[in-house]
Amino acid sequence: MMFLAILLLPIYDGATAFTFPNTHLTSTGNPSNNIGWNSHHQSPLHPPTNHNHYHNQQKFNPAFILHSTTSPSLSPGIAAIDTMNDEIEGLLCQIRKKPYFRMYSVDMLASCEYFPQEMFECYSSTCEIYPIDEEDIPTDIRRFDMDEHRFELDGWARWDMPSEDYYDTNQYPEEFTAYDGAEIWRFIHDRIAFQDDEMDVLSDTPILDVDGYDSDSWKADFNKAVSGLHSMISAQIVRGIGKKVAADEEFEEDCVWTDPKVEFERRLSPSGETPQALENLYFTYMLLLSAVRAARDRLLMDCDAGKIDADAAQSLREVLDYPLLDDDTIDIASRRLHDHAVRDKASLDTLWEARMRTRDLFRVMNCVQCNKCRFHGKIATMGLSTAFQLLLGKKGEGVDVKIVHRVELAALMTTLSKFSTAVKYCREMSASSTSAPLLDLD
């Protein structure tokens, strides 16, 4: 059993709704999303100023590129994202306002199936959510969800059975709640993420030196994606703290996380407790972008068929036409995942483990005792599961997009939006950071 050395802060944040405490907690609860493997420091660069000239540049300079990444091949994709993300972030925020992408039927009463819990009542008003009025639920959305309730027993994703209770992310958006979910995230990192001794690595490197994010294995890619999810959540948490400070709102008396700059440095900075946090954030963002491109024909078909209302379809087409989705450098993450998955028979024969673990990643959200956190946690984990489904399928070659459900597509687009906003926020915070040096590639 490997030693998990990093401490993680267990705060929940509304729409992204959860933080991964990657391991053991103390009373100070320092956060990290390392899962116990080797990590390397990285530093950001200045952002590019004109994405129209990006492809004509021989060097990615100036660029907000992570310095000394453990995966240098990701740097061109990171540069492309930094060049174009601000514009697509605005487009994605518009999509999230549309009913098709913001309404979900979620089981708020499901029991935790993974460990015994003491009942905890979140007394903060920020924790609670309520179903929208039945007359406000579009008939088409209700019909789609009922018609698509079937699922594959060994598939990547399994959403809650639809009911009359629908919840609206527009009514209950991202918000800092300070909910403590330590035991949930300890389970995620100890049991759902792959540990060092589970890695399938074609190398003579001793197992203790294996890098659990960047080893030659799809399991390392899986871990890197989960870590990226954590980084997105950490960014949303820090952003939520900043919003409370800006609004001059009071924190709970026992809340020790009240300074967004300090929390960013600690959680996400290359000099903080998770040096690869930003790199992994970009990696997962690339996977989601590739997954949306894989689903593009299906989404456009639904627009043409009227399954997505005209207003939402117009906003969606702007995103699907955006150049970032077709940038070749974005594909490096999905190609890496694919190549590792189909590398040999042993890799293909164990790919079912990833499907099982994404289902568990979603179901463990039922252990969350903050309803807003549970709601948004399920959306984010479903979005990541859907990305894996689209990119890998059962045999590493993807899946027929026609069988993907409305709720899976909605969660995918919503999660993509969360990542886009997180990247934008991290760039803003890094630009003002004193501990993240800028790299000049001249």
Protein backbone atom coordinates (compact mmCIF):
# COMPACT_ATOMS: atom_id res chain seq x y z
CA MET A 1 0.00 0.00 0.00
CA MET A 2 1.52 3.25 -1.03
CA PHE A 3 1.84 6.14 1.33
CA LEU A 4 -0.50 9.02 0.52
CA ALA A 5 1.47 11.99 1.69
CA ILE A 6 -0.64 14.96 0.79
CA LEU A 7 -3.19 16.65 3.00
CA LEU A 8 -6.36 17.99 1.47
CA LEU A 9 -8.88 20.57 2.47
CA PRO A 10 -12.43 19.16 2.35
CA ILE A 11 -14.53 22.13 1.28
CA TYR A 12 -17.49 22.00 -1.02
CA ASP A 13 -18.36 24.62 -3.54
CA GLY A 14 -21.80 24.83 -5.01
CA ALA A 15 -21.82 24.08 -8.71
CA THR A 16 -18.60 22.20 -8.71
CA ALA A 17 -19.65 21.24 -5.27
CA PHE A 18 -16.83 19.21 -3.89
CA THR A 19 -13.15 19.05 -3.07
CA PHE A 20 -11.03 15.95 -3.16
CA PRO A 21 -9.23 15.40 0.11
CA ASN A 22 -6.68 13.23 -1.45
CA THR A 23 -5.77 11.58 1.69
CA HIS A 24 -5.27 12.14 5.34
CA LEU A 25 -6.61 15.18 7.13
CA THR A 26 -5.44 17.13 10.10
CA SER A 27 -7.10 19.93 11.95
CA THR A 28 -5.46 22.39 9.55
CA GLY A 29 -6.62 20.42 6.52
CA ASN A 30 -4.14 21.56 3.88
CA PRO A 31 -5.49 20.81 0.39
CA SER A 32 -3.87 18.90 -2.43
CA ASN A 33 -5.00 16.80 -5.35
CA ASN A 34 -1.94 14.65 -5.67
CA ILE A 35 -2.87 11.02 -5.22
CA GLY A 36 0.38 10.06 -3.63
CA TRP A 37 2.67 9.89 -6.64
CA ASN A 38 5.79 11.74 -7.73
CA SER A 39 5.12 15.31 -8.81
CA HIS A 40 7.11 18.06 -10.47
CA HIS A 41 6.99 21.83 -10.16
CA GLN A 42 5.53 23.90 -12.95
CA SER A 43 5.21 27.62 -13.61
CA PRO A 44 2.86 29.63 -15.85
CA LEU A 45 3.79 32.06 -18.59
CA HIS A 46 2.18 35.21 -19.89
CA PRO A 47 -0.99 34.65 -21.96
CA PRO A 48 -0.91 35.15 -25.71
CA THR A 49 -2.49 38.29 -27.05
CA ASN A 50 -3.78 37.27 -30.46
CA HIS A 51 -5.05 33.76 -31.16
CA ASN A 52 -5.40 34.49 -34.90
CA HIS A 53 -1.62 34.23 -35.23
CA TYR A 54 -1.19 31.25 -32.99
CA HIS A 55 -0.55 28.68 -35.70
CA ASN A 56 2.04 30.93 -37.38
CA GLN A 57 4.18 31.09 -34.24
CA GLN A 58 7.24 28.90 -34.07
CA LYS A 59 7.45 29.46 -30.33
CA PHE A 60 4.58 29.65 -27.90
CA ASN A 61 5.64 33.06 -26.63
CA PRO A 62 4.22 34.96 -24.97
CA ALA A 63 2.03 32.19 -23.62
CA PHE A 64 0.49 31.13 -20.36
CA ILE A 65 2.18 27.73 -20.55
CA LEU A 66 3.01 25.62 -17.57
CA HIS A 67 6.75 25.48 -17.14
CA SER A 68 8.51 22.18 -16.48
CA THR A 69 5.35 20.14 -16.92
CA THR A 70 5.73 16.43 -16.45
CA SER A 71 4.11 16.09 -19.88
CA PRO A 72 5.82 18.61 -22.22
CA SER A 73 3.67 17.34 -25.09
CA LEU A 74 0.70 19.06 -23.44
CA SER A 75 2.27 22.52 -23.75
CA PRO A 76 0.97 23.33 -27.28
CA GLY A 77 -2.56 22.41 -26.20
CA ILE A 78 -2.22 24.51 -23.07
CA ALA A 79 -1.07 27.43 -25.22
CA ALA A 80 -4.08 27.03 -27.53
CA ILE A 81 -6.45 26.98 -24.57
CA ASP A 82 -4.88 30.08 -23.06
CA THR A 83 -5.21 31.85 -26.39
CA MET A 84 -8.87 31.08 -27.00
CA ASN A 85 -10.46 30.17 -23.69
CA ASP A 86 -11.80 33.57 -22.64
CA GLU A 87 -14.12 33.80 -25.64
CA ILE A 88 -15.44 30.26 -25.48
CA GLU A 89 -15.95 30.66 -21.72
CA GLY A 90 -18.47 33.41 -22.39
CA LEU A 91 -20.27 31.27 -24.96
CA LEU A 92 -20.43 28.32 -22.56
CA CYS A 93 -21.86 30.51 -19.81
CA GLN A 94 -24.70 31.41 -22.16
CA ILE A 95 -25.43 27.75 -22.82
CA ARG A 96 -25.73 27.04 -19.10
CA LYS A 97 -28.67 29.44 -18.91
CA LYS A 98 -30.75 27.28 -21.27
CA PRO A 99 -33.23 24.75 -19.79
CA TYR A 100 -31.80 21.84 -21.81
CA PHE A 101 -28.45 22.22 -20.05
CA ARG A 102 -29.51 23.38 -16.59
CA MET A 103 -32.38 21.08 -15.53
CA TYR A 104 -31.71 17.66 -14.01
CA SER A 105 -33.84 15.09 -12.22
CA VAL A 106 -31.67 14.06 -9.26
CA ASP A 107 -32.30 11.63 -6.42
CA MET A 108 -31.63 13.68 -3.28
CA LEU A 109 -32.74 10.92 -0.92
CA ALA A 110 -30.43 8.11 -2.04
CA SER A 111 -28.39 6.52 0.73
CA CYS A 112 -24.62 6.30 0.95
CA GLU A 113 -23.57 2.79 -0.14
CA TYR A 114 -19.84 2.96 0.54
CA PHE A 115 -19.35 3.51 4.26
CA PRO A 116 -21.45 4.09 7.38
CA GLN A 117 -22.22 7.71 8.15
CA GLU A 118 -23.49 9.73 11.04
CA MET A 119 -26.34 11.88 9.87
CA PHE A 120 -25.16 15.44 9.41
CA GLU A 121 -27.46 18.39 8.97
CA CYS A 122 -26.00 21.26 6.98
CA TYR A 123 -27.60 24.21 8.69
CA SER A 124 -26.33 26.75 6.20
CA SER A 125 -28.92 28.05 3.75
CA THR A 126 -26.30 27.63 1.03
CA CYS A 127 -26.54 23.84 1.36
CA GLU A 128 -30.22 23.34 0.62
CA ILE A 129 -31.98 23.19 -2.71
CA TYR A 130 -35.59 22.55 -3.71
CA PRO A 131 -37.24 21.13 -6.85
CA ILE A 132 -38.56 23.58 -9.38
CA ASP A 133 -42.30 23.83 -9.95
CA GLU A 134 -43.64 21.09 -12.18
CA GLU A 135 -45.09 23.56 -14.66
CA ASP A 136 -41.60 25.02 -15.17
CA ILE A 137 -40.17 21.73 -16.44
CA PRO A 138 -40.22 21.66 -20.26
CA THR A 139 -42.33 18.75 -21.46
CA ASP A 140 -39.70 17.70 -23.99
CA ILE A 141 -36.99 17.40 -21.35
CA ARG A 142 -39.18 15.27 -19.12
CA ARG A 143 -40.11 13.04 -22.07
CA PHE A 144 -36.51 12.64 -23.24
CA ASP A 145 -35.35 11.62 -19.77
CA MET A 146 -38.16 9.13 -19.32
CA ASP A 147 -37.59 7.60 -22.75
CA GLU A 148 -33.84 7.31 -22.11
CA HIS A 149 -33.98 5.78 -18.65
CA ARG A 150 -32.43 2.48 -19.75
CA PHE A 151 -28.71 1.97 -19.19
CA GLU A 152 -25.95 -0.56 -19.80
CA LEU A 153 -25.06 -2.50 -16.67
CA ASP A 154 -21.35 -2.19 -17.39
CA GLY A 155 -21.44 1.22 -19.05
CA TRP A 156 -19.47 4.32 -18.12
CA ALA A 157 -22.33 6.29 -16.67
CA ARG A 158 -25.59 5.67 -14.86
CA TRP A 159 -27.70 8.69 -14.00
CA ASP A 160 -30.47 8.65 -11.40
CA MET A 161 -33.87 7.42 -12.53
CA PRO A 162 -36.03 10.37 -13.65
CA SER A 163 -38.82 11.49 -11.35
CA GLU A 164 -41.08 14.50 -10.98
CA ASP A 165 -38.35 16.33 -9.05
CA TYR A 166 -36.13 18.49 -11.25
CA TYR A 167 -33.48 20.90 -10.01
CA ASP A 168 -32.13 23.97 -11.77
CA THR A 169 -28.44 24.95 -11.82
CA ASN A 170 -29.49 28.49 -12.72
CA GLN A 171 -31.51 28.69 -9.50
CA TYR A 172 -28.74 27.06 -7.46
CA PRO A 173 -25.43 28.11 -9.04
CA GLU A 174 -21.85 27.84 -7.82
CA GLU A 175 -21.50 28.94 -4.23
CA PHE A 176 -19.05 28.42 -1.41
CA THR A 177 -20.77 26.33 1.27
CA ALA A 178 -17.86 25.24 3.53
CA TYR A 179 -19.35 21.75 3.74
CA ASP A 180 -16.83 19.17 5.00
CA GLY A 181 -16.77 16.00 2.93
CA ALA A 182 -13.44 14.60 4.05
CA GLU A 183 -14.41 10.95 4.28
CA ILE A 184 -15.99 10.99 0.83
CA TRP A 185 -12.91 12.31 -0.87
CA ARG A 186 -10.62 10.08 1.11
CA PHE A 187 -12.62 7.20 -0.36
CA ILE A 188 -12.26 8.62 -3.87
CA HIS A 189 -8.51 8.91 -3.68
CA ASP A 190 -7.86 5.76 -1.67
CA ARG A 191 -10.30 3.46 -3.43
CA ILE A 192 -11.46 4.84 -6.78
CA ALA A 193 -8.18 6.26 -8.07
CA PHE A 194 -5.58 3.70 -9.10
CA GLN A 195 -2.70 3.27 -6.68
CA ASP A 196 0.97 2.75 -7.53
CA ASP A 197 0.84 -1.01 -7.22
CA GLU A 198 -2.10 -1.15 -9.68
CA MET A 199 -0.27 0.57 -12.53
CA ASP A 200 0.37 -1.39 -15.72
CA VAL A 201 3.66 0.17 -16.76
CA LEU A 202 5.90 -1.08 -19.56
CA SER A 203 9.10 -0.01 -17.87
CA ASP A 204 11.99 -1.31 -15.84
CA THR A 205 11.45 1.54 -13.39
CA PRO A 206 10.96 0.30 -9.82
CA ILE A 207 7.33 0.59 -8.76
CA LEU A 208 8.15 3.16 -6.07
CA ASP A 209 9.35 5.55 -8.81
CA VAL A 210 6.24 5.20 -10.94
CA ASP A 211 4.47 8.50 -11.60
CA GLY A 212 0.77 7.94 -11.08
CA TYR A 213 -0.17 10.82 -13.39
CA ASP A 214 2.21 10.38 -16.28
CA SER A 215 3.18 6.73 -16.45
CA ASP A 216 2.73 4.74 -19.65
CA SER A 217 -0.74 3.50 -18.69
CA TRP A 218 -4.35 4.47 -19.15
CA LYS A 219 -4.71 4.15 -15.39
CA ALA A 220 -2.33 7.07 -14.95
CA ASP A 221 -4.44 9.01 -17.48
CA PHE A 222 -7.54 8.18 -15.47
CA ASN A 223 -5.88 9.48 -12.31
CA LYS A 224 -4.72 12.62 -14.09
CA ALA A 225 -8.29 13.29 -15.22
CA VAL A 226 -9.65 12.81 -11.70
CA SER A 227 -6.95 15.13 -10.38
CA GLY A 228 -7.95 17.64 -13.05
CA LEU A 229 -11.52 17.42 -11.83
CA HIS A 230 -10.25 18.18 -8.36
CA SER A 231 -8.30 21.17 -9.65
CA MET A 232 -11.43 22.54 -11.30
CA ILE A 233 -13.29 22.18 -8.04
CA SER A 234 -10.49 23.81 -6.08
CA ALA A 235 -10.59 26.76 -8.49
CA GLN A 236 -14.33 27.11 -7.99
CA ILE A 237 -13.90 26.99 -4.23
CA VAL A 238 -11.26 29.71 -4.24
CA ARG A 239 -13.42 31.74 -6.61
CA GLY A 240 -16.36 31.33 -4.25
CA ILE A 241 -14.27 32.53 -1.33
CA GLY A 242 -13.27 35.56 -3.38
CA LYS A 243 -16.90 36.34 -4.17
CA LYS A 244 -17.79 36.29 -0.48
CA VAL A 245 -14.91 38.61 0.31
CA ALA A 246 -15.86 40.99 -2.52
CA ALA A 247 -19.47 41.05 -1.34
CA ASP A 248 -18.30 41.69 2.23
CA GLU A 249 -20.17 38.61 3.41
CA GLU A 250 -19.28 37.04 6.72
CA PHE A 251 -17.79 33.55 6.96
CA GLU A 252 -18.80 31.00 9.53
CA GLU A 253 -16.98 31.55 12.79
CA ASP A 254 -14.96 28.33 12.52
CA CYS A 255 -14.08 28.75 8.80
CA VAL A 256 -10.33 29.12 8.34
CA TRP A 257 -10.35 29.46 4.53
CA THR A 258 -11.15 33.11 4.00
CA ASP A 259 -8.31 34.44 1.83
CA PRO A 260 -8.58 33.52 -1.88
CA LYS A 261 -4.95 34.37 -2.63
CA VAL A 262 -3.67 32.18 0.16
CA GLU A 263 -5.96 29.33 -0.89
CA PHE A 264 -4.98 29.62 -4.55
CA GLU A 265 -1.29 29.51 -3.66
CA ARG A 266 -1.83 26.50 -1.47
CA ARG A 267 -4.20 24.49 -3.65
CA LEU A 268 -3.32 25.35 -7.24
CA SER A 269 -0.06 27.24 -7.51
CA PRO A 270 2.96 25.37 -8.95
CA SER A 271 4.73 26.22 -5.70
CA GLY A 272 1.82 24.94 -3.61
CA GLU A 273 0.96 21.52 -2.30
CA THR A 274 -0.02 20.11 -5.70
CA PRO A 275 2.57 21.26 -8.26
CA GLN A 276 0.74 19.41 -11.08
CA ALA A 277 -2.69 20.82 -10.23
CA LEU A 278 -2.82 23.27 -13.13
CA GLU A 279 -1.34 20.83 -15.63
CA ASN A 280 -3.95 18.23 -14.69
CA LEU A 281 -6.69 20.85 -14.94
CA TYR A 282 -5.71 21.51 -18.54
CA PHE A 283 -5.38 17.81 -19.30
CA THR A 284 -8.96 17.09 -18.25
CA TYR A 285 -10.20 20.20 -20.04
CA MET A 286 -8.61 18.87 -23.23
CA LEU A 287 -10.37 15.54 -22.77
CA LEU A 288 -13.71 17.32 -22.39
CA LEU A 289 -13.10 19.48 -25.47
CA SER A 290 -12.31 16.36 -27.51
CA ALA A 291 -15.40 14.62 -26.14
CA VAL A 292 -17.64 17.54 -27.12
CA ARG A 293 -16.17 17.44 -30.60
CA ALA A 294 -16.90 13.71 -30.74
CA ALA A 295 -20.51 14.48 -29.78
CA ARG A 296 -20.83 17.43 -32.14
CA ASP A 297 -22.72 15.66 -34.92
CA ARG A 298 -25.21 14.26 -32.42
CA LEU A 299 -25.72 17.67 -30.82
CA LEU A 300 -26.20 19.33 -34.20
CA MET A 301 -28.61 16.58 -35.23
CA ASP A 302 -30.65 17.26 -32.09
CA CYS A 303 -30.64 20.96 -32.92
CA ASP A 304 -31.88 20.28 -36.46
CA ALA A 305 -34.53 17.87 -35.21
CA GLY A 306 -35.87 20.38 -32.67
CA LYS A 307 -34.90 18.26 -29.67
CA ILE A 308 -32.92 21.25 -28.46
CA ASP A 309 -35.04 24.40 -28.54
CA ALA A 310 -34.12 27.10 -31.04
CA ASP A 311 -32.74 29.54 -28.48
CA ALA A 312 -30.44 26.94 -26.93
CA ALA A 313 -29.51 25.59 -30.36
CA GLN A 314 -28.27 28.99 -31.50
CA SER A 315 -25.98 29.32 -28.48
CA LEU A 316 -24.83 25.71 -28.80
CA ARG A 317 -23.89 26.11 -32.47
CA GLU A 318 -21.61 29.00 -31.58
CA VAL A 319 -19.71 26.76 -29.19
CA LEU A 320 -19.57 23.80 -31.57
CA ASP A 321 -18.22 26.06 -34.33
CA TYR A 322 -15.54 27.59 -32.13
CA PRO A 323 -11.97 26.95 -33.42
CA LEU A 324 -10.66 25.60 -30.13
CA LEU A 325 -12.63 22.37 -30.59
CA ASP A 326 -10.84 21.70 -33.89
CA ASP A 327 -7.35 22.67 -32.80
CA ASP A 328 -5.06 19.69 -33.35
CA THR A 329 -3.01 20.44 -30.26
CA ILE A 330 -6.04 19.79 -28.03
CA ASP A 331 -6.11 16.17 -29.18
CA ILE A 332 -2.89 15.21 -27.41
CA ALA A 333 -4.72 14.29 -24.19
CA SER A 334 -7.37 12.13 -25.86
CA ARG A 335 -4.80 10.51 -28.17
CA ARG A 336 -2.65 9.65 -25.19
CA LEU A 337 -5.62 8.12 -23.39
CA HIS A 338 -6.68 6.19 -26.49
CA ASP A 339 -3.19 4.92 -27.30
CA HIS A 340 -2.68 3.68 -23.77
CA ALA A 341 -6.10 2.00 -23.74
CA VAL A 342 -5.55 0.06 -26.99
CA ARG A 343 -1.81 -0.50 -26.59
CA ASP A 344 -2.11 -4.22 -25.96
CA LYS A 345 -4.55 -6.94 -24.98
CA ALA A 346 -3.82 -6.49 -21.28
CA SER A 347 -4.80 -2.82 -21.45
CA LEU A 348 -8.03 -3.58 -23.30
CA ASP A 349 -8.88 -6.45 -20.99
CA THR A 350 -8.68 -4.22 -17.91
CA LEU A 351 -10.49 -1.19 -19.35
CA TRP A 352 -13.68 -2.34 -17.63
CA GLU A 353 -12.10 -1.20 -14.37
CA ALA A 354 -12.30 2.40 -15.53
CA ARG A 355 -16.01 2.03 -16.34
CA MET A 356 -16.66 0.57 -12.92
CA ARG A 357 -14.78 3.39 -11.21
CA THR A 358 -16.55 6.19 -13.05
CA ARG A 359 -19.85 4.68 -11.96
CA ASP A 360 -18.57 4.59 -8.40
CA LEU A 361 -17.32 8.16 -8.70
CA PHE A 362 -20.86 9.21 -9.51
CA ARG A 363 -22.61 7.03 -6.91
CA VAL A 364 -20.35 8.11 -4.05
CA MET A 365 -21.89 11.55 -4.44
CA ASN A 366 -24.88 10.05 -2.61
CA CYS A 367 -22.67 10.18 0.48
CA VAL A 368 -22.60 13.98 0.28
CA GLN A 369 -24.82 15.46 2.98
CA CYS A 370 -25.07 18.91 1.45
CA ASN A 371 -27.80 18.84 -1.17
CA LYS A 372 -26.37 21.60 -3.33
CA CYS A 373 -23.01 19.88 -3.25
CA ARG A 374 -24.56 16.53 -4.12
CA PHE A 375 -26.44 18.07 -7.03
CA HIS A 376 -23.45 19.71 -8.63
CA GLY A 377 -21.13 16.87 -7.72
CA LYS A 378 -23.28 14.47 -9.69
CA ILE A 379 -23.33 16.75 -12.71
CA ALA A 380 -19.54 17.15 -12.74
CA THR A 381 -18.80 13.45 -12.31
CA MET A 382 -21.39 12.56 -14.96
CA GLY A 383 -19.77 15.05 -17.32
CA LEU A 384 -16.38 13.39 -16.89
CA SER A 385 -17.89 9.90 -17.22
CA THR A 386 -19.60 10.93 -20.46
CA ALA A 387 -16.29 12.20 -21.82
CA PHE A 388 -14.67 8.83 -21.14
CA GLN A 389 -17.64 7.09 -22.73
CA LEU A 390 -17.37 9.15 -25.92
CA LEU A 391 -13.60 8.87 -26.20
CA LEU A 392 -13.12 5.21 -25.26
CA GLY A 393 -16.34 3.26 -25.32
CA LYS A 394 -15.82 -0.34 -24.25
CA LYS A 395 -12.92 -1.19 -26.56
CA GLY A 396 -11.00 2.07 -26.66
CA GLU A 397 -12.50 3.29 -29.94
CA GLY A 398 -15.35 5.46 -28.71
CA VAL A 399 -19.08 4.90 -28.77
CA ASP A 400 -21.99 5.51 -31.12
CA VAL A 401 -23.08 9.02 -30.13
CA LYS A 402 -26.68 8.18 -30.97
CA ILE A 403 -27.00 6.16 -27.77
CA VAL A 404 -25.81 8.97 -25.48
CA HIS A 405 -28.64 10.37 -23.36
CA ARG A 406 -29.86 13.94 -23.04
CA VAL A 407 -28.77 14.18 -19.43
CA GLU A 408 -25.27 12.93 -20.32
CA LEU A 409 -24.88 15.52 -23.07
CA ALA A 410 -26.17 18.27 -20.80
CA ALA A 411 -23.78 17.26 -18.04
CA LEU A 412 -20.88 17.12 -20.51
CA MET A 413 -21.51 20.68 -21.73
CA THR A 414 -22.06 21.98 -18.20
CA THR A 415 -18.85 20.37 -16.99
CA LEU A 416 -16.96 21.80 -19.96
CA SER A 417 -18.24 25.22 -18.92
CA LYS A 418 -17.06 24.65 -15.36
CA PHE A 419 -13.56 23.82 -16.59
CA SER A 420 -13.46 26.80 -18.92
CA THR A 421 -14.38 29.13 -16.08
CA ALA A 422 -11.84 27.46 -13.79
CA VAL A 423 -9.05 27.90 -16.35
CA LYS A 424 -9.97 31.56 -16.82
CA TYR A 425 -9.93 32.13 -13.07
CA CYS A 426 -6.61 30.34 -12.61
CA ARG A 427 -5.02 32.47 -15.31
CA GLU A 428 -6.25 35.61 -13.58
CA MET A 429 -4.97 34.45 -10.21
CA SER A 430 -1.65 33.26 -11.63
CA ALA A 431 -1.10 36.61 -13.30
CA SER A 432 -1.25 38.27 -9.88
CA SER A 433 0.67 35.52 -8.09
CA THR A 434 4.06 36.37 -6.67
CA SER A 435 5.17 32.78 -6.23
CA ALA A 436 4.47 31.51 -9.75
CA PRO A 437 7.36 32.83 -11.86
CA LEU A 438 6.79 33.67 -15.52
CA LEU A 439 8.87 31.89 -18.13
CA ASP A 440 10.27 33.71 -21.19
CA LEU A 441 10.90 31.28 -24.03
CA ASP A 442 13.04 33.69 -26.05
